[in-house]
PDB file of N, CA and C in Angstrom:
ATOM      1  N   MET A   1      28.753 -17.944  -0.625  1.00  0.00           N
ATOM      2  CA  MET A   1      28.124 -18.620   0.267  1.00  0.00           C
ATOM      3  C   MET A   1      28.782 -19.068   1.707  1.00  0.00           C
ATOM      4  N   ASN A   2      28.069 -18.764   2.730  1.00  0.00           N
ATOM      5  CA  ASN A   2      28.487 -19.698   3.801  1.00  0.00           C
ATOM      6  C   ASN A   2      27.841 -20.888   4.003  1.00  0.00           C
ATOM      7  N   LEU A   3      28.340 -21.735   4.898  1.00  0.00           N
ATOM      8  CA  LEU A   3      28.273 -23.506   5.063  1.00  0.00           C
ATOM      9  C   LEU A   3      26.166 -22.951   5.482  1.00  0.00           C
ATOM     10  N   PHE A   4      26.010 -21.943   6.344  1.00  0.00           N
ATOM     11  CA  PHE A   4      25.016 -22.280   6.913  1.00  0.00           C
ATOM     12  C   PHE A   4      23.595 -22.120   5.355  1.00  0.00           C
ATOM     13  N   ASP A   5      23.724 -20.839   4.969  1.00  0.00           N
ATOM     14  CA  ASP A   5      23.201 -20.916   3.468  1.00  0.00           C
ATOM     15  C   ASP A   5      23.194 -22.172   3.073  1.00  0.00           C
ATOM     16  N   ILE A   6      23.803 -23.068   2.349  1.00  0.00           N
ATOM     17  CA  ILE A   6      23.942 -23.987   1.532  1.00  0.00           C
ATOM     18  C   ILE A   6      23.018 -24.952   2.524  1.00  0.00           C
ATOM     19  N   LEU A   7      23.721 -24.934   3.857  1.00  0.00           N
ATOM     20  CA  LEU A   7      22.410 -26.207   4.380  1.00  0.00           C
ATOM     21  C   LEU A   7      21.350 -25.819   4.276  1.00  0.00           C
ATOM     22  N   ALA A   8      20.668 -24.350   4.456  1.00  0.00           N
ATOM     23  CA  ALA A   8      19.544 -24.322   4.020  1.00  0.00           C
ATOM     24  C   ALA A   8      18.870 -24.398   3.108  1.00  0.00           C
ATOM     25  N   GLU A   9      19.657 -24.205   2.096  1.00  0.00           N
ATOM     26  CA  GLU A   9      19.146 -24.432   0.548  1.00  0.00           C
ATOM     27  C   GLU A   9      19.394 -26.212   0.677  1.00  0.00           C
ATOM     28  N   GLN A  10      20.190 -26.896   0.622  1.00  0.00           N
ATOM     29  CA  GLN A  10      19.553 -27.872   0.197  1.00  0.00           C
ATOM     30  C   GLN A  10      18.360 -28.636   1.157  1.00  0.00           C
ATOM     31  N   ARG A  11      18.134 -28.141   2.382  1.00  0.00           N
ATOM     32  CA  ARG A  11      17.326 -28.820   3.102  1.00  0.00           C
ATOM     33  C   ARG A  11      15.644 -27.823   2.246  1.00  0.00           C
ATOM     34  N   ILE A  12      15.627 -27.140   2.326  1.00  0.00           N
ATOM     35  CA  ILE A  12      14.838 -26.228   1.716  1.00  0.00           C
ATOM     36  C   ILE A  12      14.696 -27.039   0.049  1.00  0.00           C
ATOM     37  N   ALA A  13      15.662 -27.207  -0.695  1.00  0.00           N
ATOM     38  CA  ALA A  13      15.203 -28.160  -2.109  1.00  0.00           C
ATOM     39  C   ALA A  13      14.892 -29.657  -1.915  1.00  0.00           C
ATOM     40  N   GLU A  14      15.453 -30.312  -0.532  1.00  0.00           N
ATOM     41  CA  GLU A  14      15.050 -31.543  -0.453  1.00  0.00           C
ATOM     42  C   GLU A  14      13.116 -31.202  -0.076  1.00  0.00           C
ATOM     43  N   ALA A  15      12.757 -30.464   1.032  1.00  0.00           N
ATOM     44  CA  ALA A  15      11.492 -30.824   1.174  1.00  0.00           C
ATOM     45  C   ALA A  15      10.873 -30.025   0.247  1.00  0.00           C
ATOM     46  N   PHE A  16      11.341 -29.132  -1.171  1.00  0.00           N
ATOM     47  CA  PHE A  16      10.387 -29.207  -2.050  1.00  0.00           C
ATOM     48  C   PHE A  16      10.497 -30.744  -2.884  1.00  0.00           C
ATOM     49  N   ARG A  17      11.092 -31.441  -3.156  1.00  0.00           N
ATOM     50  CA  ARG A  17      10.924 -32.641  -4.097  1.00  0.00           C
ATOM     51  C   ARG A  17      10.148 -33.482  -3.124  1.00  0.00           C
ATOM     52  N   ARG A  18      10.311 -33.638  -1.749  1.00  0.00           N
ATOM     53  CA  ARG A  18       9.344 -34.593  -1.127  1.00  0.00           C
ATOM     54  C   ARG A  18       7.881 -33.971  -0.930  1.00  0.00           C
ATOM     55  N   GLY A  19       7.363 -32.980  -1.687  1.00  0.00           N
ATOM     56  CA  GLY A  19       6.119 -31.937  -1.629  1.00  0.00           C
ATOM     57  C   GLY A  19       5.752 -31.347  -0.348  1.00  0.00           C
ATOM     58  N   GLU A  20       6.862 -30.991   0.353  1.00  0.00           N
ATOM     59  CA  GLU A  20       5.977 -30.589   1.721  1.00  0.00           C
ATOM     60  C   GLU A  20       5.432 -28.745   1.433  1.00  0.00           C
ATOM     61  N   PHE A  21       5.466 -28.205   0.027  1.00  0.00           N
ATOM     62  CA  PHE A  21       5.188 -26.875   0.542  1.00  0.00           C
ATOM     63  C   PHE A  21       4.040 -27.128  -1.002  1.00  0.00           C
ATOM     64  N   GLU A  22       3.051 -27.657  -0.822  1.00  0.00           N
ATOM     65  CA  GLU A  22       2.476 -27.906  -1.585  1.00  0.00           C
ATOM     66  C   GLU A  22       0.511 -27.600  -0.492  1.00  0.00           C
ATOM     67  N   HIS A  23       0.377 -27.757  -1.112  1.00  0.00           N
ATOM     68  CA  HIS A  23      -1.146 -27.384  -0.202  1.00  0.00           C
ATOM     69  C   HIS A  23      -1.255 -26.950   1.243  1.00  0.00           C
ATOM     70  N   LEU A  24       0.035 -26.104   1.066  1.00  0.00           N
ATOM     71  CA  LEU A  24      -0.363 -24.709   2.426  1.00  0.00           C
ATOM     72  C   LEU A  24      -1.412 -24.036   2.392  1.00  0.00           C
ATOM     73  N   PRO A  25      -1.767 -23.591   3.451  1.00  0.00           N
ATOM     74  CA  PRO A  25      -2.693 -23.181   3.199  1.00  0.00           C
ATOM     75  C   PRO A  25      -2.444 -21.090   2.804  1.00  0.00           C
ATOM     76  N   GLY A  26      -3.475 -20.482   2.283  1.00  0.00           N
ATOM     77  CA  GLY A  26      -3.320 -19.436   1.083  1.00  0.00           C
ATOM     78  C   GLY A  26      -2.052 -19.684  -0.080  1.00  0.00           C
ATOM     79  N   ALA A  27      -2.118 -20.870  -0.162  1.00  0.00           N
ATOM     80  CA  ALA A  27      -1.404 -21.139  -1.771  1.00  0.00           C
ATOM     81  C   ALA A  27      -2.347 -20.974  -2.694  1.00  0.00           C
ATOM     82  N   GLY A  28      -1.470 -20.214  -3.789  1.00  0.00           N
ATOM     83  CA  GLY A  28      -2.213 -19.378  -4.892  1.00  0.00           C
ATOM     84  C   GLY A  28      -2.451 -17.714  -4.709  1.00  0.00           C
ATOM     85  N   ARG A  29      -2.291 -17.623  -3.361  1.00  0.00           N
ATOM     86  CA  ARG A  29      -2.793 -16.013  -2.999  1.00  0.00           C
ATOM     87  C   ARG A  29      -1.993 -15.532  -2.704  1.00  0.00           C
ATOM     88  N   PRO A  30      -1.962 -13.498  -3.344  1.00  0.00           N
ATOM     89  CA  PRO A  30      -0.763 -13.285  -2.571  1.00  0.00           C
ATOM     90  C   PRO A  30      -0.342 -13.265  -1.544  1.00  0.00           C
ATOM     91  N   LEU A  31       0.697 -12.629  -1.393  1.00  0.00           N
ATOM     92  CA  LEU A  31       0.753 -12.388   0.109  1.00  0.00           C
ATOM     93  C   LEU A  31       0.771 -11.032   0.616  1.00  0.00           C
ATOM     94  N   MET A  32      -0.135 -11.394   1.558  1.00  0.00           N
ATOM     95  CA  MET A  32      -0.177  -9.360   2.359  1.00  0.00           C
ATOM     96  C   MET A  32       0.867  -8.785   3.686  1.00  0.00           C
ATOM     97  N   PHE A  33       1.689  -7.838   3.045  1.00  0.00           N
ATOM     98  CA  PHE A  33       2.823  -7.809   4.005  1.00  0.00           C
ATOM     99  C   PHE A  33       1.859  -6.176   4.257  1.00  0.00           C
ATOM    100  N   ASP A  34       1.587  -5.703   5.046  1.00  0.00           N
ATOM    101  CA  ASP A  34       0.774  -4.941   5.854  1.00  0.00           C
ATOM    102  C   ASP A  34       1.730  -4.272   7.148  1.00  0.00           C
ATOM    103  N   ASP A  35       3.566  -4.395   6.889  1.00  0.00           N
ATOM    104  CA  ASP A  35       4.024  -3.978   7.966  1.00  0.00           C
ATOM    105  C   ASP A  35       4.923  -3.401   7.334  1.00  0.00           C
ATOM    106  N   ASP A  36       5.508  -1.706   7.486  1.00  0.00           N
ATOM    107  CA  ASP A  36       6.791  -1.449   6.566  1.00  0.00           C
ATOM    108  C   ASP A  36       8.111  -1.643   7.400  1.00  0.00           C
ATOM    109  N   PRO A  37       9.163  -2.294   6.669  1.00  0.00           N
ATOM    110  CA  PRO A  37      10.140  -2.439   7.596  1.00  0.00           C
ATOM    111  C   PRO A  37      10.878  -1.903   8.550  1.00  0.00           C
ATOM    112  N   LEU A  38      10.761  -0.352   7.455  1.00  0.00           N
ATOM    113  CA  LEU A  38      11.721   0.518   7.683  1.00  0.00           C
ATOM    114  C   LEU A  38      11.058   2.131   9.238  1.00  0.00           C
ATOM    115  N   LEU A  39       9.747   1.104   9.356  1.00  0.00           N
ATOM    116  CA  LEU A  39       9.186   1.831  10.389  1.00  0.00           C
ATOM    117  C   LEU A  39       9.564   1.387  11.488  1.00  0.00           C
ATOM    118  N   SER A  40       9.242   2.013  12.498  1.00  0.00           N
ATOM    119  CA  SER A  40       9.792   1.795  14.247  1.00  0.00           C
ATOM    120  C   SER A  40       8.517   0.685  14.736  1.00  0.00           C
ATOM    121  N   PRO A  41       8.761   0.411  15.676  1.00  0.00           N
ATOM    122  CA  PRO A  41       8.119  -0.996  16.004  1.00  0.00           C
ATOM    123  C   PRO A  41       6.632  -0.122  17.063  1.00  0.00           C
ATOM    124  N   ASP A  42       6.818   0.734  17.799  1.00  0.00           N
ATOM    125  CA  ASP A  42       5.747   1.626  18.152  1.00  0.00           C
ATOM    126  C   ASP A  42       5.127   1.901  16.940  1.00  0.00           C
ATOM    127  N   THR A  43       5.480   2.987  15.945  1.00  0.00           N
ATOM    128  CA  THR A  43       4.960   3.238  15.120  1.00  0.00           C
ATOM    129  C   THR A  43       4.077   2.195  14.363  1.00  0.00           C
ATOM    130  N   ARG A  44       4.478   1.128  13.651  1.00  0.00           N
ATOM    131  CA  ARG A  44       3.824   0.092  13.122  1.00  0.00           C
ATOM    132  C   ARG A  44       2.710  -0.798  13.969  1.00  0.00           C
ATOM    133  N   MET A  45       2.617  -0.462  15.518  1.00  0.00           N
ATOM    134  CA  MET A  45       2.024  -1.038  16.492  1.00  0.00           C
ATOM    135  C   MET A  45       0.584   0.020  16.269  1.00  0.00           C
ATOM    136  N   MET A  46       0.901   1.863  16.513  1.00  0.00           N
ATOM    137  CA  MET A  46      -0.082   2.304  16.201  1.00  0.00           C
ATOM    138  C   MET A  46      -0.984   2.518  14.635  1.00  0.00           C
ATOM    139  N   ASN A  47       0.221   2.321  13.350  1.00  0.00           N
ATOM    140  CA  ASN A  47      -0.889   2.374  12.188  1.00  0.00           C
ATOM    141  C   ASN A  47      -1.714   0.913  12.289  1.00  0.00           C
ATOM    142  N   ARG A  48      -1.319  -0.307  13.040  1.00  0.00           N
ATOM    143  CA  ARG A  48      -2.487  -1.705  13.038  1.00  0.00           C
ATOM    144  C   ARG A  48      -3.451  -1.090  13.539  1.00  0.00           C
ATOM    145  N   ILE A  49      -3.315  -0.374  15.008  1.00  0.00           N
ATOM    146  CA  ILE A  49      -4.284  -0.054  15.739  1.00  0.00           C
ATOM    147  C   ILE A  49      -5.418   0.724  14.957  1.00  0.00           C
ATOM    148  N   LEU A  50      -4.948   1.913  14.364  1.00  0.00           N
ATOM    149  CA  LEU A  50      -5.363   3.044  13.924  1.00  0.00           C
ATOM    150  C   LEU A  50      -6.337   2.278  12.447  1.00  0.00           C
ATOM    151  N   LYS A  51      -5.613   1.512  11.858  1.00  0.00           N
ATOM    152  CA  LYS A  51      -5.883   0.742  10.158  1.00  0.00           C
ATOM    153  C   LYS A  51      -7.204  -0.356  11.141  1.00  0.00           C
ATOM    154  N   ASN A  52      -7.191  -0.515  12.514  1.00  0.00           N
ATOM    155  CA  ASN A  52      -8.372  -1.967  12.798  1.00  0.00           C
ATOM    156  C   ASN A  52      -9.384  -0.723  13.020  1.00  0.00           C
ATOM    157  N   ALA A  53      -9.542   0.349  13.329  1.00  0.00           N
ATOM    158  CA  ALA A  53     -10.766   0.600  14.109  1.00  0.00           C
ATOM    159  C   ALA A  53     -11.306   1.510  13.167  1.00  0.00           C
ATOM    160  N   GLY A  54     -10.359   1.724  11.604  1.00  0.00           N
ATOM    161  CA  GLY A  54     -11.564   2.229  10.496  1.00  0.00           C
ATOM    162  C   GLY A  54     -10.739   3.855   9.663  1.00  0.00           C
ATOM    163  N   PHE A  55      -9.901   3.937  10.674  1.00  0.00           N
ATOM    164  CA  PHE A  55      -8.836   5.060  10.416  1.00  0.00           C
ATOM    165  C   PHE A  55      -8.246   4.709   9.765  1.00  0.00           C
ATOM    166  N   ALA A  56      -7.887   6.228   8.482  1.00  0.00           N
ATOM    167  CA  ALA A  56      -7.127   6.289   7.964  1.00  0.00           C
ATOM    168  C   ALA A  56      -5.954   7.360   7.576  1.00  0.00           C
ATOM    169  N   PRO A  57      -5.113   7.662   7.512  1.00  0.00           N
ATOM    170  CA  PRO A  57      -4.235   8.941   7.065  1.00  0.00           C
ATOM    171  C   PRO A  57      -4.913   9.789   6.173  1.00  0.00           C
ATOM    172  N   ALA A  58      -4.611  11.263   6.403  1.00  0.00           N
ATOM    173  CA  ALA A  58      -5.162  11.851   5.685  1.00  0.00           C
ATOM    174  C   ALA A  58      -4.941  12.209   4.206  1.00  0.00           C
ATOM    175  N   GLU A  59      -3.507  11.403   3.508  1.00  0.00           N
ATOM    176  CA  GLU A  59      -3.486  11.557   2.437  1.00  0.00           C
ATOM    177  C   GLU A  59      -4.149  10.693   1.844  1.00  0.00           C
ATOM    178  N   VAL A  60      -4.696   9.105   2.238  1.00  0.00           N
ATOM    179  CA  VAL A  60      -5.260   8.010   1.709  1.00  0.00           C
ATOM    180  C   VAL A  60      -6.826   8.744   1.482  1.00  0.00           C
ATOM    181  N   GLY A  61      -7.259   9.986   2.244  1.00  0.00           N
ATOM    182  CA  GLY A  61      -8.596  10.050   1.901  1.00  0.00           C
ATOM    183  C   GLY A  61      -8.333  11.524   0.848  1.00  0.00           C
ATOM    184  N   MET A  62      -6.973  12.507   0.770  1.00  0.00           N
ATOM    185  CA  MET A  62      -6.344  12.960  -0.482  1.00  0.00           C
ATOM    186  C   MET A  62      -6.932  12.439  -1.653  1.00  0.00           C
ATOM    187  N   ARG A  63      -6.146  11.115  -1.522  1.00  0.00           N
ATOM    188  CA  ARG A  63      -6.198  10.565  -2.477  1.00  0.00           C
ATOM    189  C   ARG A  63      -7.325   9.988  -3.407  1.00  0.00           C
ATOM    190  N   ARG A  64      -8.183   9.369  -2.868  1.00  0.00           N
ATOM    191  CA  ARG A  64      -9.445   9.192  -2.914  1.00  0.00           C
ATOM    192  C   ARG A  64     -10.342  10.491  -3.903  1.00  0.00           C
ATOM    193  N   GLU A  65      -9.902  11.656  -3.081  1.00  0.00           N
ATOM    194  CA  GLU A  65     -10.659  12.705  -3.431  1.00  0.00           C
ATOM    195  C   GLU A  65     -10.207  12.932  -4.956  1.00  0.00           C
ATOM    196  N   LEU A  66      -8.711  12.971  -4.973  1.00  0.00           N
ATOM    197  CA  LEU A  66      -7.943  13.342  -6.327  1.00  0.00           C
ATOM    198  C   LEU A  66      -9.009  12.240  -7.242  1.00  0.00           C
ATOM    199  N   ALA A  67      -9.170  11.075  -7.389  1.00  0.00           N
ATOM    200  CA  ALA A  67      -9.375  10.126  -7.723  1.00  0.00           C
ATOM    201  C   ALA A  67     -10.923  10.300  -8.229  1.00  0.00           C
ATOM    202  N   THR A  68     -11.902  11.113  -8.060  1.00  0.00           N
ATOM    203  CA  THR A  68     -13.068  11.106  -8.114  1.00  0.00           C
ATOM    204  C   THR A  68     -13.074  12.577  -8.822  1.00  0.00           C
ATOM    205  N   LEU A  69     -11.964  13.529  -8.329  1.00  0.00           N
ATOM    206  CA  LEU A  69     -11.875  14.992  -9.063  1.00  0.00           C
ATOM    207  C   LEU A  69     -11.557  14.479 -10.956  1.00  0.00           C
ATOM    208  N   SER A  70     -10.846  13.487 -10.714  1.00  0.00           N
ATOM    209  CA  SER A  70     -10.489  13.641 -12.262  1.00  0.00           C
ATOM    210  C   SER A  70     -11.304  12.751 -12.446  1.00  0.00           C
ATOM    211  N   ALA A  71     -12.207  11.701 -12.434  1.00  0.00           N
ATOM    212  CA  ALA A  71     -13.307  11.132 -12.971  1.00  0.00           C
ATOM    213  C   ALA A  71     -14.491  12.547 -13.138  1.00  0.00           C
ATOM    214  N   GLU A  72     -14.620  12.740 -12.155  1.00  0.00           N
ATOM    215  CA  GLU A  72     -15.974  14.098 -13.175  1.00  0.00           C
ATOM    216  C   GLU A  72     -14.928  15.226 -14.140  1.00  0.00           C
ATOM    217  N   LEU A  73     -14.094  15.269 -14.158  1.00  0.00           N
ATOM    218  CA  LEU A  73     -13.385  16.419 -14.865  1.00  0.00           C
ATOM    219  C   LEU A  73     -13.125  15.688 -16.383  1.00  0.00           C
ATOM    220  N   ALA A  74     -13.200  14.640 -16.841  1.00  0.00           N
ATOM    221  CA  ALA A  74     -13.154  13.813 -18.189  1.00  0.00           C
ATOM    222  C   ALA A  74     -14.388  14.047 -18.142  1.00  0.00           C
ATOM    223  N   ALA A  75     -15.347  13.651 -17.321  1.00  0.00           N
ATOM    224  CA  ALA A  75     -16.983  14.353 -17.998  1.00  0.00           C
ATOM    225  C   ALA A  75     -17.719  15.331 -18.312  1.00  0.00           C
ATOM    226  N   LEU A  76     -16.749  16.229 -17.531  1.00  0.00           N
ATOM    227  CA  LEU A  76     -17.537  17.822 -17.885  1.00  0.00           C
ATOM    228  C   LEU A  76     -16.750  18.538 -18.977  1.00  0.00           C
ATOM    229  N   PRO A  77     -18.065  19.384 -19.846  1.00  0.00           N
ATOM    230  CA  PRO A  77     -16.888  20.551 -20.565  1.00  0.00           C
ATOM    231  C   PRO A  77     -16.256  21.763 -20.050  1.00  0.00           C
ATOM    232  N   ALA A  78     -15.568  22.386 -20.721  1.00  0.00           N
ATOM    233  CA  ALA A  78     -15.212  23.323 -20.211  1.00  0.00           C
ATOM    234  C   ALA A  78     -15.832  24.553 -19.701  1.00  0.00           C
ATOM    235  N   GLY A  79     -16.140  25.333 -18.942  1.00  0.00           N
ATOM    236  CA  GLY A  79     -16.733  25.942 -17.876  1.00  0.00           C
ATOM    237  C   GLY A  79     -16.553  26.314 -16.755  1.00  0.00           C
ATOM    238  N   THR A  80     -17.033  26.988 -15.871  1.00  0.00           N
ATOM    239  CA  THR A  80     -17.034  27.446 -14.219  1.00  0.00           C
ATOM    240  C   THR A  80     -16.825  26.383 -13.360  1.00  0.00           C
ATOM    241  N   GLN A  81     -17.617  25.444 -13.576  1.00  0.00           N
ATOM    242  CA  GLN A  81     -17.698  24.294 -12.396  1.00  0.00           C
ATOM    243  C   GLN A  81     -16.394  23.634 -12.822  1.00  0.00           C
ATOM    244  N   ARG A  82     -16.202  23.003 -14.048  1.00  0.00           N
ATOM    245  CA  ARG A  82     -14.619  22.105 -14.519  1.00  0.00           C
ATOM    246  C   ARG A  82     -13.151  23.096 -14.090  1.00  0.00           C
ATOM    247  N   ASP A  83     -13.743  24.795 -14.033  1.00  0.00           N
ATOM    248  CA  ASP A  83     -12.310  25.232 -13.279  1.00  0.00           C
ATOM    249  C   ASP A  83     -12.313  25.450 -12.057  1.00  0.00           C
ATOM    250  N   ARG A  84     -13.670  25.123 -11.022  1.00  0.00           N
ATOM    251  CA  ARG A  84     -13.390  25.315  -9.482  1.00  0.00           C
ATOM    252  C   ARG A  84     -12.854  23.469  -9.359  1.00  0.00           C
ATOM    253  N   LEU A  85     -13.385  22.178 -10.385  1.00  0.00           N
ATOM    254  CA  LEU A  85     -13.048  21.407  -9.772  1.00  0.00           C
ATOM    255  C   LEU A  85     -11.670  21.223 -10.203  1.00  0.00           C
ATOM    256  N   MET A  86     -11.255  21.956 -11.286  1.00  0.00           N
ATOM    257  CA  MET A  86      -9.376  21.760 -11.383  1.00  0.00           C
ATOM    258  C   MET A  86      -8.779  22.910 -10.157  1.00  0.00           C
ATOM    259  N   GLN A  87      -9.192  23.397  -9.869  1.00  0.00           N
ATOM    260  CA  GLN A  87      -8.456  24.391  -8.649  1.00  0.00           C
ATOM    261  C   GLN A  87      -8.888  23.354  -7.502  1.00  0.00           C
ATOM    262  N   ARG A  88      -9.406  22.909  -7.305  1.00  0.00           N
ATOM    263  CA  ARG A  88      -9.256  21.973  -6.175  1.00  0.00           C
ATOM    264  C   ARG A  88      -8.566  20.685  -6.341  1.00  0.00           C
ATOM    265  N   ARG A  89      -8.461  20.187  -7.197  1.00  0.00           N
ATOM    266  CA  ARG A  89      -7.629  19.511  -7.364  1.00  0.00           C
ATOM    267  C   ARG A  89      -5.849  19.469  -7.267  1.00  0.00           C
ATOM    268  N   ASN A  90      -5.674  21.014  -8.057  1.00  0.00           N
ATOM    269  CA  ASN A  90      -4.368  21.776  -7.936  1.00  0.00           C
ATOM    270  C   ASN A  90      -4.256  21.433  -6.195  1.00  0.00           C
ATOM    271  N   HIS A  91      -4.819  22.068  -5.716  1.00  0.00           N
ATOM    272  CA  HIS A  91      -4.924  22.381  -3.940  1.00  0.00           C
ATOM    273  C   HIS A  91      -4.576  21.202  -4.025  1.00  0.00           C
ATOM    274  N   LEU A  92      -5.148  20.279  -4.241  1.00  0.00           N
ATOM    275  CA  LEU A  92      -5.287  18.836  -3.168  1.00  0.00           C
ATOM    276  C   LEU A  92      -3.628  18.244  -3.468  1.00  0.00           C
ATOM    277  N   LEU A  93      -3.086  18.842  -4.746  1.00  0.00           N
ATOM    278  CA  LEU A  93      -2.273  18.072  -5.464  1.00  0.00           C
ATOM    279  C   LEU A  93      -0.811  18.488  -4.623  1.00  0.00           C
ATOM    280  N   LEU A  94      -0.944  19.626  -4.577  1.00  0.00           N
ATOM    281  CA  LEU A  94       0.133  20.828  -3.691  1.00  0.00           C
ATOM    282  C   LEU A  94      -0.018  20.276  -2.315  1.00  0.00           C
ATOM    283  N   GLN A  95      -1.419  19.790  -1.379  1.00  0.00           N
ATOM    284  CA  GLN A  95      -0.924  19.486  -0.401  1.00  0.00           C
ATOM    285  C   GLN A  95      -0.308  18.104  -0.090  1.00  0.00           C
ATOM    286  N   LEU A  96      -0.912  17.390  -0.955  1.00  0.00           N
ATOM    287  CA  LEU A  96      -0.137  15.622  -1.084  1.00  0.00           C
ATOM    288  C   LEU A  96       1.102  16.184  -1.254  1.00  0.00           C
ATOM    289  N   ALA A  97       1.923  16.707  -2.226  1.00  0.00           N
ATOM    290  CA  ALA A  97       3.055  17.130  -2.234  1.00  0.00           C
ATOM    291  C   ALA A  97       4.278  17.723  -1.500  1.00  0.00           C
ATOM    292  N   GLN A  98       3.057  18.452  -0.084  1.00  0.00           N
ATOM    293  CA  GLN A  98       4.050  18.912   0.661  1.00  0.00           C
ATOM    294  C   GLN A  98       3.469  18.332   2.225  1.00  0.00           C
ATOM    295  N   THR A  99       2.827  16.904   1.985  1.00  0.00           N
ATOM    296  CA  THR A  99       2.706  15.418   2.808  1.00  0.00           C
ATOM    297  C   THR A  99       3.559  14.892   3.406  1.00  0.00           C
ATOM    298  N   PRO A 100       4.427  15.671   4.875  1.00  0.00           N
ATOM    299  CA  PRO A 100       5.630  14.591   5.296  1.00  0.00           C
ATOM    300  C   PRO A 100       5.493  13.012   5.405  1.00  0.00           C
ATOM    301  N   ARG A 101       6.342  12.462   4.764  1.00  0.00           N
ATOM    302  CA  ARG A 101       6.842  11.045   4.226  1.00  0.00           C
ATOM    303  C   ARG A 101       6.971  10.195   5.691  1.00  0.00           C
ATOM    304  N   ASN A 102       6.315   9.349   6.268  1.00  0.00           N
ATOM    305  CA  ASN A 102       7.453   8.048   7.528  1.00  0.00           C
ATOM    306  C   ASN A 102       8.739   8.001   7.013  1.00  0.00           C
TER     307      ASN A 102
END
């Protein structure tokens, strides 16, 4: 540890003993990390704009449909409709596997 790290740790410990970290806004709630630090600032801004406008990546829609299909498949007995749903599910899984990641 260098001198700055030691000094920072000491000041944080002193503030903690004085109770300066109590009653902070958002205390007891999980932190929300919306930004992926590995994305470029331009991509993060674009994602934030799309999210605020209510758009979601295609991958999100495919995952939602997969969850719905899985629930339907669990309730269906063997038959033609189940086979069609299995084909659709397999097609979605293949599409997801081929979807490029950022």
